[in-house]
């Protein structure tokens, strides 16, 4: 059982790391939007590259926020039934959900996302807009990277559920940013 605890905590660390990266990207995105608004309305300057950077950063926030949300139970679920169930029932539902849905879906996204990013790199794809960001493959590579972390978070759901079934952990309601704020 000790190896499950160490594995669970190690996998949790990876998801928390994704949360920190998403948090940093959100702060950078806010600064980017602030710069863009001030430049546009105060100095009548428009930067296509900075506007593209906004959606690049938003993509990082969204894609790397998924593993963090899975780890902290911050994802969307049907709580009508889930909240009334015992911890062991919740654990079994999470195991089945992770094994049947999360991990295969992450593999599917990784498989297609990897080819998507490699093709972009091979073509030397950049922005279609003048003044836009070059190297579009960089943001496209975040898709398979986030899929790997999502698959790891799905596996972490399983290890945590095993700890709940064994009585080592509980599904207690958590509020806040789990140390991110």
N, C-alpha and C. Protein backbone atom coordinates (compact mmCIF):
# COMPACT_ATOMS: atom_id res chain seq x y z
N UNK A 1 0.82 -1.20 0.00
CA UNK A 1 0.00 0.00 0.00
C UNK A 1 0.86 1.26 0.00
N UNK A 2 2.09 1.16 0.56
CA UNK A 2 2.94 2.35 0.60
C UNK A 2 3.29 2.83 -0.80
N UNK A 3 3.47 1.90 -1.72
CA UNK A 3 3.82 2.31 -3.08
C UNK A 3 2.66 3.04 -3.75
N UNK A 4 1.42 2.66 -3.42
CA UNK A 4 0.26 3.37 -3.97
C UNK A 4 0.23 4.80 -3.43
N UNK A 5 0.54 4.97 -2.16
CA UNK A 5 0.56 6.31 -1.56
C UNK A 5 1.61 7.17 -2.25
N UNK A 6 2.80 6.63 -2.41
CA UNK A 6 3.88 7.40 -3.07
C UNK A 6 3.53 7.70 -4.53
N UNK A 7 2.97 6.72 -5.22
CA UNK A 7 2.57 6.92 -6.61
C UNK A 7 1.48 7.98 -6.70
N UNK A 8 0.48 7.89 -5.82
CA UNK A 8 -0.62 8.85 -5.81
C UNK A 8 -0.10 10.27 -5.56
N UNK A 9 0.78 10.42 -4.60
CA UNK A 9 1.31 11.74 -4.28
C UNK A 9 2.20 12.27 -5.41
N UNK A 10 2.97 11.40 -6.05
CA UNK A 10 3.79 11.82 -7.18
C UNK A 10 2.95 12.26 -8.37
N UNK A 11 1.91 11.50 -8.67
CA UNK A 11 1.01 11.87 -9.76
C UNK A 11 0.27 13.16 -9.43
N UNK A 12 -0.11 13.32 -8.17
CA UNK A 12 -0.79 14.54 -7.75
C UNK A 12 0.12 15.75 -7.95
N UNK A 13 1.41 15.58 -7.69
CA UNK A 13 2.36 16.67 -7.88
C UNK A 13 2.36 17.15 -9.33
N UNK A 14 2.29 16.22 -10.27
CA UNK A 14 2.28 16.61 -11.69
C UNK A 14 1.04 17.43 -12.03
N UNK A 15 -0.11 17.03 -11.48
CA UNK A 15 -1.34 17.78 -11.74
C UNK A 15 -1.29 19.16 -11.09
N UNK A 16 -0.73 19.24 -9.88
CA UNK A 16 -0.59 20.53 -9.21
C UNK A 16 0.37 21.41 -10.01
N UNK A 17 1.43 20.83 -10.55
CA UNK A 17 2.36 21.57 -11.40
C UNK A 17 1.62 22.16 -12.60
N UNK A 18 0.75 21.38 -13.22
CA UNK A 18 -0.06 21.88 -14.34
C UNK A 18 -0.91 23.07 -13.89
N UNK A 19 -1.44 22.97 -12.68
CA UNK A 19 -2.23 24.08 -12.14
C UNK A 19 -1.41 25.34 -11.98
N UNK A 20 -0.18 25.19 -11.52
CA UNK A 20 0.70 26.35 -11.38
C UNK A 20 1.04 26.97 -12.74
N UNK A 21 1.29 26.13 -13.72
CA UNK A 21 1.57 26.65 -15.07
C UNK A 21 0.35 27.38 -15.62
N UNK A 22 -0.84 26.80 -15.42
CA UNK A 22 -2.08 27.45 -15.87
C UNK A 22 -2.28 28.77 -15.15
N UNK A 23 -1.97 28.80 -13.86
CA UNK A 23 -2.10 30.03 -13.07
C UNK A 23 -1.15 31.11 -13.60
N UNK A 24 0.09 30.73 -13.86
CA UNK A 24 1.07 31.68 -14.40
C UNK A 24 0.64 32.18 -15.78
N UNK A 25 0.11 31.28 -16.60
CA UNK A 25 -0.36 31.68 -17.93
C UNK A 25 -1.54 32.64 -17.82
N UNK A 26 -2.39 32.45 -16.82
CA UNK A 26 -3.52 33.37 -16.62
C UNK A 26 -3.04 34.76 -16.24
N UNK A 27 -2.03 34.83 -15.37
CA UNK A 27 -1.47 36.12 -14.98
C UNK A 27 -0.82 36.79 -16.19
N UNK A 28 -0.06 36.02 -16.96
CA UNK A 28 0.55 36.57 -18.18
C UNK A 28 -0.51 37.04 -19.17
N UNK A 29 -1.59 36.27 -19.28
CA UNK A 29 -2.66 36.65 -20.20
C UNK A 29 -3.32 37.96 -19.76
N UNK A 30 -3.53 38.12 -18.46
CA UNK A 30 -4.12 39.36 -17.95
C UNK A 30 -3.21 40.54 -18.26
N UNK A 31 -1.91 40.36 -18.06
CA UNK A 31 -0.96 41.43 -18.40
C UNK A 31 -0.94 41.72 -19.89
N UNK A 32 -1.04 40.69 -20.69
CA UNK A 32 -1.07 40.83 -22.14
C UNK A 32 -2.30 41.61 -22.59
N UNK A 33 -3.45 41.27 -22.04
CA UNK A 33 -4.70 41.97 -22.39
C UNK A 33 -4.61 43.43 -21.94
N UNK A 34 -4.07 43.66 -20.74
CA UNK A 34 -3.91 45.03 -20.25
C UNK A 34 -3.04 45.84 -21.20
N UNK A 35 -1.90 45.26 -21.59
CA UNK A 35 -1.01 45.93 -22.54
C UNK A 35 -1.73 46.23 -23.85
N UNK A 36 -2.45 45.25 -24.35
CA UNK A 36 -3.15 45.39 -25.63
C UNK A 36 -4.18 46.51 -25.57
N UNK A 37 -4.94 46.58 -24.49
CA UNK A 37 -5.97 47.61 -24.35
C UNK A 37 -5.34 48.99 -24.23
N UNK A 38 -4.31 49.13 -23.40
CA UNK A 38 -3.64 50.42 -23.24
C UNK A 38 -3.00 50.86 -24.56
N UNK A 39 -2.33 49.94 -25.24
CA UNK A 39 -1.69 50.28 -26.51
C UNK A 39 -2.72 50.70 -27.55
N UNK A 40 -3.86 50.02 -27.57
CA UNK A 40 -4.87 50.32 -28.57
C UNK A 40 -5.56 51.66 -28.30
N UNK A 41 -6.00 51.87 -27.07
CA UNK A 41 -6.82 53.05 -26.79
C UNK A 41 -6.02 54.28 -26.38
N UNK A 42 -4.84 54.11 -25.81
CA UNK A 42 -4.05 55.27 -25.41
C UNK A 42 -3.07 55.70 -26.51
N UNK A 43 -2.54 54.74 -27.26
CA UNK A 43 -1.52 55.07 -28.25
C UNK A 43 -1.91 54.72 -29.68
N UNK A 44 -3.11 54.21 -29.86
CA UNK A 44 -3.63 53.84 -31.18
C UNK A 44 -2.69 52.86 -31.90
N UNK A 45 -2.09 51.96 -31.15
CA UNK A 45 -1.19 50.94 -31.68
C UNK A 45 -1.86 49.58 -31.54
N UNK A 46 -1.76 48.77 -32.58
CA UNK A 46 -2.32 47.43 -32.55
C UNK A 46 -1.21 46.44 -32.88
N UNK A 47 -1.10 45.40 -32.06
CA UNK A 47 -0.11 44.36 -32.30
C UNK A 47 -0.83 43.03 -32.52
N UNK A 48 -0.79 42.55 -33.74
CA UNK A 48 -1.42 41.27 -34.06
C UNK A 48 -0.77 40.15 -33.25
N UNK A 49 0.54 40.22 -33.10
CA UNK A 49 1.25 39.20 -32.34
C UNK A 49 0.78 39.14 -30.89
N UNK A 50 0.57 40.30 -30.28
CA UNK A 50 0.09 40.31 -28.89
C UNK A 50 -1.35 39.80 -28.80
N UNK A 51 -2.16 40.12 -29.80
CA UNK A 51 -3.53 39.59 -29.80
C UNK A 51 -3.53 38.08 -29.95
N UNK A 52 -2.66 37.56 -30.78
CA UNK A 52 -2.56 36.10 -30.92
C UNK A 52 -2.02 35.47 -29.64
N UNK A 53 -1.11 36.18 -28.97
CA UNK A 53 -0.57 35.66 -27.71
C UNK A 53 -1.67 35.48 -26.67
N UNK A 54 -2.72 36.31 -26.73
CA UNK A 54 -3.84 36.18 -25.79
C UNK A 54 -4.49 34.81 -25.92
N UNK A 55 -4.80 34.40 -27.14
CA UNK A 55 -5.46 33.09 -27.26
C UNK A 55 -4.48 31.95 -27.08
N UNK A 56 -3.20 32.18 -27.34
CA UNK A 56 -2.21 31.14 -27.04
C UNK A 56 -2.17 30.90 -25.53
N UNK A 57 -2.11 31.98 -24.76
CA UNK A 57 -2.07 31.84 -23.30
C UNK A 57 -3.37 31.27 -22.76
N UNK A 58 -4.50 31.68 -23.36
CA UNK A 58 -5.78 31.11 -22.92
C UNK A 58 -5.82 29.61 -23.18
N UNK A 59 -5.24 29.19 -24.29
CA UNK A 59 -5.18 27.75 -24.59
C UNK A 59 -4.38 27.01 -23.53
N UNK A 60 -3.27 27.59 -23.10
CA UNK A 60 -2.45 26.97 -22.05
C UNK A 60 -3.24 26.89 -20.75
N UNK A 61 -3.95 27.98 -20.41
CA UNK A 61 -4.77 27.98 -19.19
C UNK A 61 -5.80 26.86 -19.24
N UNK A 62 -6.50 26.77 -20.33
CA UNK A 62 -7.56 25.77 -20.46
C UNK A 62 -7.00 24.35 -20.50
N UNK A 63 -6.01 24.13 -21.36
CA UNK A 63 -5.51 22.77 -21.56
C UNK A 63 -4.75 22.22 -20.35
N UNK A 64 -3.99 23.06 -19.67
CA UNK A 64 -3.27 22.58 -18.49
C UNK A 64 -4.10 22.72 -17.22
N UNK A 65 -5.22 23.41 -17.32
CA UNK A 65 -6.14 23.46 -16.18
C UNK A 65 -6.94 22.18 -16.03
N UNK A 66 -7.08 21.43 -17.10
CA UNK A 66 -7.87 20.18 -17.06
C UNK A 66 -7.26 19.16 -16.09
N UNK A 67 -5.96 18.84 -16.17
CA UNK A 67 -5.42 17.88 -15.21
C UNK A 67 -5.54 18.36 -13.76
N UNK A 68 -5.35 19.66 -13.57
CA UNK A 68 -5.49 20.22 -12.22
C UNK A 68 -6.92 20.07 -11.71
N UNK A 69 -7.88 20.37 -12.58
CA UNK A 69 -9.29 20.25 -12.19
C UNK A 69 -9.65 18.81 -11.87
N UNK A 70 -9.11 17.87 -12.63
CA UNK A 70 -9.38 16.45 -12.34
C UNK A 70 -8.81 16.06 -10.98
N UNK A 71 -7.63 16.53 -10.66
CA UNK A 71 -7.00 16.17 -9.39
C UNK A 71 -7.75 16.77 -8.20
N UNK A 72 -8.22 17.99 -8.33
CA UNK A 72 -8.85 18.68 -7.20
C UNK A 72 -10.36 18.52 -7.20
N UNK A 73 -10.89 17.66 -8.06
CA UNK A 73 -12.34 17.47 -8.19
C UNK A 73 -13.05 18.77 -8.54
N UNK A 74 -12.40 19.62 -9.31
CA UNK A 74 -12.98 20.89 -9.72
C UNK A 74 -13.67 20.81 -11.06
N UNK A 75 -13.76 19.62 -11.63
CA UNK A 75 -14.37 19.45 -12.94
C UNK A 75 -15.89 19.32 -12.80
N UNK A 76 -16.56 19.42 -13.92
CA UNK A 76 -18.02 19.34 -13.95
C UNK A 76 -18.44 17.89 -13.79
N UNK A 77 -19.42 17.68 -12.95
CA UNK A 77 -19.99 16.34 -12.78
C UNK A 77 -21.45 16.52 -12.36
N UNK A 78 -22.20 15.44 -12.43
CA UNK A 78 -23.60 15.48 -12.02
C UNK A 78 -23.64 15.22 -10.52
N UNK A 79 -23.70 16.30 -9.75
CA UNK A 79 -23.66 16.18 -8.30
C UNK A 79 -24.98 15.76 -7.68
N UNK A 80 -26.04 15.68 -8.47
CA UNK A 80 -27.34 15.28 -7.92
C UNK A 80 -27.24 13.92 -7.26
N UNK A 81 -26.54 12.99 -7.89
CA UNK A 81 -26.38 11.65 -7.33
C UNK A 81 -25.09 11.54 -6.52
N UNK A 82 -24.04 12.09 -7.05
CA UNK A 82 -22.69 11.91 -6.51
C UNK A 82 -22.58 12.36 -5.06
N UNK A 83 -23.18 13.48 -4.70
CA UNK A 83 -23.04 13.99 -3.33
C UNK A 83 -23.70 13.09 -2.29
N UNK A 84 -24.67 12.30 -2.69
CA UNK A 84 -25.38 11.44 -1.74
C UNK A 84 -24.72 10.07 -1.57
N UNK A 85 -23.76 9.77 -2.39
CA UNK A 85 -23.12 8.46 -2.34
C UNK A 85 -22.05 8.40 -1.26
N UNK A 86 -21.76 7.20 -0.81
CA UNK A 86 -20.67 6.99 0.15
C UNK A 86 -19.33 7.18 -0.57
N UNK A 87 -18.28 7.35 0.22
CA UNK A 87 -16.96 7.53 -0.38
C UNK A 87 -16.53 6.33 -1.22
N UNK A 88 -16.88 5.14 -0.78
CA UNK A 88 -16.50 3.94 -1.55
C UNK A 88 -17.23 3.88 -2.89
N UNK A 89 -18.50 4.27 -2.89
CA UNK A 89 -19.25 4.31 -4.16
C UNK A 89 -18.66 5.36 -5.08
N UNK A 90 -18.34 6.53 -4.53
CA UNK A 90 -17.70 7.59 -5.32
C UNK A 90 -16.37 7.09 -5.91
N UNK A 91 -15.63 6.36 -5.09
CA UNK A 91 -14.33 5.85 -5.55
C UNK A 91 -14.51 4.89 -6.72
N UNK A 92 -15.48 3.99 -6.62
CA UNK A 92 -15.72 3.05 -7.73
C UNK A 92 -16.19 3.77 -8.98
N UNK A 93 -17.04 4.77 -8.81
CA UNK A 93 -17.50 5.57 -9.96
C UNK A 93 -16.31 6.28 -10.60
N UNK A 94 -15.41 6.83 -9.78
CA UNK A 94 -14.24 7.52 -10.31
C UNK A 94 -13.28 6.56 -11.02
N UNK A 95 -13.13 5.36 -10.49
CA UNK A 95 -12.27 4.37 -11.15
C UNK A 95 -12.84 4.01 -12.52
N UNK A 96 -14.13 3.70 -12.56
CA UNK A 96 -14.77 3.34 -13.83
C UNK A 96 -14.71 4.52 -14.80
N UNK A 97 -15.01 5.73 -14.32
CA UNK A 97 -14.98 6.91 -15.18
C UNK A 97 -13.60 7.19 -15.74
N UNK A 98 -12.58 7.04 -14.89
CA UNK A 98 -11.21 7.29 -15.34
C UNK A 98 -10.76 6.25 -16.35
N UNK A 99 -11.06 4.98 -16.07
CA UNK A 99 -10.59 3.90 -16.95
C UNK A 99 -11.36 3.86 -18.27
N UNK A 100 -12.65 4.13 -18.22
CA UNK A 100 -13.46 4.03 -19.44
C UNK A 100 -13.47 5.33 -20.25
N UNK A 101 -13.42 6.48 -19.56
CA UNK A 101 -13.57 7.75 -20.28
C UNK A 101 -12.29 8.59 -20.32
N UNK A 102 -11.73 8.93 -19.17
CA UNK A 102 -10.64 9.91 -19.12
C UNK A 102 -9.38 9.40 -19.82
N UNK A 103 -8.91 8.24 -19.44
CA UNK A 103 -7.64 7.74 -19.99
C UNK A 103 -7.75 7.44 -21.49
N UNK A 104 -8.80 6.76 -21.97
CA UNK A 104 -8.90 6.57 -23.43
C UNK A 104 -9.07 7.88 -24.20
N UNK A 105 -9.83 8.82 -23.64
CA UNK A 105 -10.00 10.11 -24.30
C UNK A 105 -8.66 10.85 -24.37
N UNK A 106 -7.89 10.81 -23.29
CA UNK A 106 -6.58 11.45 -23.29
C UNK A 106 -5.67 10.82 -24.34
N UNK A 107 -5.73 9.49 -24.46
CA UNK A 107 -4.93 8.81 -25.49
C UNK A 107 -5.35 9.26 -26.89
N UNK A 108 -6.65 9.35 -27.12
CA UNK A 108 -7.16 9.78 -28.41
C UNK A 108 -6.69 11.19 -28.76
N UNK A 109 -6.80 12.10 -27.80
CA UNK A 109 -6.35 13.48 -28.02
C UNK A 109 -4.84 13.52 -28.24
N UNK A 110 -4.10 12.74 -27.47
CA UNK A 110 -2.64 12.70 -27.65
C UNK A 110 -2.30 12.20 -29.05
N UNK A 111 -2.94 11.13 -29.48
CA UNK A 111 -2.63 10.53 -30.77
C UNK A 111 -2.86 11.52 -31.91
N UNK A 112 -4.03 12.14 -31.94
CA UNK A 112 -4.32 13.09 -33.01
C UNK A 112 -3.57 14.41 -32.81
N UNK A 113 -3.44 14.85 -31.57
CA UNK A 113 -2.75 16.11 -31.29
C UNK A 113 -1.27 16.05 -31.62
N UNK A 114 -0.66 14.90 -31.38
CA UNK A 114 0.75 14.73 -31.70
C UNK A 114 0.98 14.88 -33.21
N UNK A 115 0.18 14.20 -33.99
CA UNK A 115 0.30 14.30 -35.45
C UNK A 115 0.02 15.72 -35.93
N UNK A 116 -0.94 16.37 -35.29
CA UNK A 116 -1.30 17.75 -35.60
C UNK A 116 -0.11 18.68 -35.37
N UNK A 117 0.58 18.52 -34.24
CA UNK A 117 1.73 19.37 -33.91
C UNK A 117 2.92 19.06 -34.81
N UNK A 118 3.17 17.78 -35.07
CA UNK A 118 4.29 17.39 -35.92
C UNK A 118 4.10 17.92 -37.34
N UNK A 119 2.88 17.82 -37.84
CA UNK A 119 2.60 18.33 -39.19
C UNK A 119 2.82 19.84 -39.24
N UNK A 120 2.40 20.55 -38.20
CA UNK A 120 2.60 21.99 -38.14
C UNK A 120 4.09 22.34 -38.13
N UNK A 121 4.86 21.57 -37.37
CA UNK A 121 6.31 21.78 -37.30
C UNK A 121 6.96 21.50 -38.66
N UNK A 122 6.55 20.40 -39.29
CA UNK A 122 7.13 20.01 -40.58
C UNK A 122 6.87 21.05 -41.65
N UNK A 123 5.70 21.66 -41.61
CA UNK A 123 5.34 22.67 -42.61
C UNK A 123 5.95 24.03 -42.29
N UNK A 124 6.47 24.20 -41.07
CA UNK A 124 6.97 25.51 -40.67
C UNK A 124 5.83 26.50 -40.53
N UNK A 125 4.68 26.00 -40.06
CA UNK A 125 3.48 26.82 -39.99
C UNK A 125 3.65 28.00 -39.04
N UNK A 126 3.18 29.13 -39.48
CA UNK A 126 3.17 30.35 -38.68
C UNK A 126 1.81 31.00 -38.80
N UNK A 127 1.70 32.17 -38.27
CA UNK A 127 0.44 32.89 -38.34
C UNK A 127 0.14 33.28 -39.77
N UNK A 128 -1.13 33.28 -40.11
CA UNK A 128 -1.55 33.71 -41.43
C UNK A 128 -1.66 35.22 -41.54
N UNK A 129 -1.58 35.90 -40.40
CA UNK A 129 -1.71 37.36 -40.37
C UNK A 129 -0.34 38.02 -40.39
N UNK A 130 -0.22 39.14 -41.10
CA UNK A 130 1.05 39.87 -41.06
C UNK A 130 1.28 40.40 -39.65
N UNK A 131 2.47 40.20 -39.13
CA UNK A 131 2.78 40.64 -37.77
C UNK A 131 2.37 39.64 -36.71
N UNK A 132 1.84 38.49 -37.16
CA UNK A 132 1.43 37.46 -36.22
C UNK A 132 2.61 36.65 -35.72
N UNK A 133 2.33 35.74 -34.82
CA UNK A 133 3.39 34.93 -34.22
C UNK A 133 3.85 33.82 -35.16
N UNK A 134 5.15 33.62 -35.27
CA UNK A 134 5.65 32.48 -36.04
C UNK A 134 5.58 31.21 -35.20
N UNK A 135 5.95 30.11 -35.76
CA UNK A 135 6.06 28.84 -35.04
C UNK A 135 4.74 28.42 -34.38
N UNK A 136 3.73 28.26 -35.19
CA UNK A 136 2.42 27.84 -34.68
C UNK A 136 2.49 26.47 -34.02
N UNK A 137 3.50 25.67 -34.35
CA UNK A 137 3.64 24.33 -33.78
C UNK A 137 3.82 24.38 -32.26
N UNK A 138 4.35 25.49 -31.74
CA UNK A 138 4.58 25.58 -30.30
C UNK A 138 3.25 25.47 -29.55
N UNK A 139 2.26 26.25 -29.96
CA UNK A 139 0.97 26.18 -29.26
C UNK A 139 0.24 24.88 -29.58
N UNK A 140 0.43 24.38 -30.79
CA UNK A 140 -0.23 23.12 -31.15
C UNK A 140 0.37 21.94 -30.37
N UNK A 141 1.62 22.06 -29.96
CA UNK A 141 2.23 20.98 -29.18
C UNK A 141 1.69 20.93 -27.75
N UNK A 142 1.05 22.00 -27.31
CA UNK A 142 0.45 21.99 -25.97
C UNK A 142 -0.72 21.00 -25.92
N UNK A 143 -1.35 20.74 -27.05
CA UNK A 143 -2.49 19.80 -27.09
C UNK A 143 -2.05 18.39 -26.69
N UNK A 144 -1.05 17.78 -27.34
CA UNK A 144 -0.66 16.44 -26.88
C UNK A 144 -0.02 16.45 -25.50
N UNK A 145 0.68 17.52 -25.16
CA UNK A 145 1.28 17.60 -23.81
C UNK A 145 0.18 17.60 -22.76
N UNK A 146 -0.86 18.38 -22.98
CA UNK A 146 -1.96 18.40 -22.00
C UNK A 146 -2.69 17.07 -21.97
N UNK A 147 -2.74 16.38 -23.10
CA UNK A 147 -3.38 15.06 -23.12
C UNK A 147 -2.60 14.06 -22.27
N UNK A 148 -1.27 14.14 -22.32
CA UNK A 148 -0.44 13.27 -21.48
C UNK A 148 -0.72 13.56 -20.01
N UNK A 149 -0.73 14.84 -19.64
CA UNK A 149 -1.00 15.20 -18.25
C UNK A 149 -2.43 14.85 -17.84
N UNK A 150 -3.38 14.93 -18.77
CA UNK A 150 -4.75 14.53 -18.46
C UNK A 150 -4.83 13.02 -18.23
N UNK A 151 -4.13 12.25 -19.04
CA UNK A 151 -4.07 10.80 -18.82
C UNK A 151 -3.44 10.46 -17.49
N UNK A 152 -2.38 11.18 -17.13
CA UNK A 152 -1.75 10.98 -15.83
C UNK A 152 -2.72 11.34 -14.71
N UNK A 153 -3.48 12.43 -14.90
CA UNK A 153 -4.47 12.82 -13.89
C UNK A 153 -5.57 11.77 -13.78
N UNK A 154 -5.94 11.15 -14.91
CA UNK A 154 -6.92 10.06 -14.87
C UNK A 154 -6.39 8.87 -14.09
N UNK A 155 -5.13 8.54 -14.32
CA UNK A 155 -4.50 7.46 -13.55
C UNK A 155 -4.43 7.84 -12.07
N UNK A 156 -4.19 9.13 -11.81
CA UNK A 156 -4.17 9.62 -10.43
C UNK A 156 -5.54 9.52 -9.77
N UNK A 157 -6.60 9.69 -10.56
CA UNK A 157 -7.95 9.49 -10.03
C UNK A 157 -8.11 8.05 -9.54
N UNK A 158 -7.53 7.12 -10.28
CA UNK A 158 -7.61 5.70 -9.91
C UNK A 158 -6.81 5.44 -8.63
N UNK A 159 -5.59 5.96 -8.56
CA UNK A 159 -4.78 5.71 -7.35
C UNK A 159 -5.40 6.35 -6.12
N UNK A 160 -5.97 7.55 -6.28
CA UNK A 160 -6.63 8.19 -5.14
C UNK A 160 -7.86 7.39 -4.72
N UNK A 161 -8.61 6.89 -5.70
CA UNK A 161 -9.80 6.09 -5.39
C UNK A 161 -9.43 4.81 -4.66
N UNK A 162 -8.32 4.21 -5.04
CA UNK A 162 -7.84 3.01 -4.32
C UNK A 162 -7.54 3.36 -2.87
N UNK A 163 -6.95 4.53 -2.65
CA UNK A 163 -6.67 4.96 -1.27
C UNK A 163 -7.97 5.22 -0.51
N UNK A 164 -8.99 5.73 -1.19
CA UNK A 164 -10.29 5.95 -0.54
C UNK A 164 -10.91 4.60 -0.17
N UNK A 165 -10.89 3.66 -1.10
CA UNK A 165 -11.47 2.33 -0.84
C UNK A 165 -10.77 1.65 0.34
N UNK A 166 -9.46 1.84 0.43
CA UNK A 166 -8.72 1.21 1.53
C UNK A 166 -8.90 1.95 2.86
N UNK A 167 -9.54 3.12 2.82
CA UNK A 167 -9.78 3.88 4.05
C UNK A 167 -8.68 4.86 4.40
N UNK A 168 -7.69 5.00 3.54
CA UNK A 168 -6.57 5.91 3.79
C UNK A 168 -6.94 7.37 3.53
N UNK A 169 -7.85 7.62 2.61
CA UNK A 169 -8.27 8.98 2.23
C UNK A 169 -9.78 9.06 2.18
N UNK A 170 -10.30 10.29 2.11
CA UNK A 170 -11.74 10.51 1.94
C UNK A 170 -11.95 11.58 0.88
N UNK A 171 -13.15 11.59 0.33
CA UNK A 171 -13.53 12.65 -0.60
C UNK A 171 -14.19 13.75 0.23
N UNK A 172 -13.39 14.65 0.72
CA UNK A 172 -13.95 15.75 1.48
C UNK A 172 -14.12 16.94 0.56
N UNK A 173 -15.18 17.71 0.78
CA UNK A 173 -15.38 18.88 -0.08
C UNK A 173 -14.24 19.88 0.11
N UNK A 174 -13.68 20.31 -1.01
CA UNK A 174 -12.58 21.27 -0.96
C UNK A 174 -13.04 22.55 -1.62
N UNK A 175 -12.59 23.63 -1.07
CA UNK A 175 -12.91 24.93 -1.63
C UNK A 175 -11.61 25.71 -1.77
N UNK A 176 -11.57 26.59 -2.72
CA UNK A 176 -10.38 27.39 -2.90
C UNK A 176 -9.52 26.84 -4.02
N UNK A 177 -8.32 27.37 -4.10
CA UNK A 177 -7.43 27.06 -5.22
C UNK A 177 -6.36 26.05 -4.84
N UNK A 178 -6.54 25.33 -3.75
CA UNK A 178 -5.59 24.29 -3.36
C UNK A 178 -4.16 24.80 -3.32
N UNK A 179 -3.97 25.98 -2.74
CA UNK A 179 -2.62 26.50 -2.60
C UNK A 179 -2.13 27.29 -3.80
N UNK A 180 -2.95 27.45 -4.82
CA UNK A 180 -2.51 28.22 -5.99
C UNK A 180 -2.67 29.72 -5.76
N UNK A 181 -3.58 30.11 -4.88
CA UNK A 181 -3.81 31.55 -4.68
C UNK A 181 -3.10 32.01 -3.43
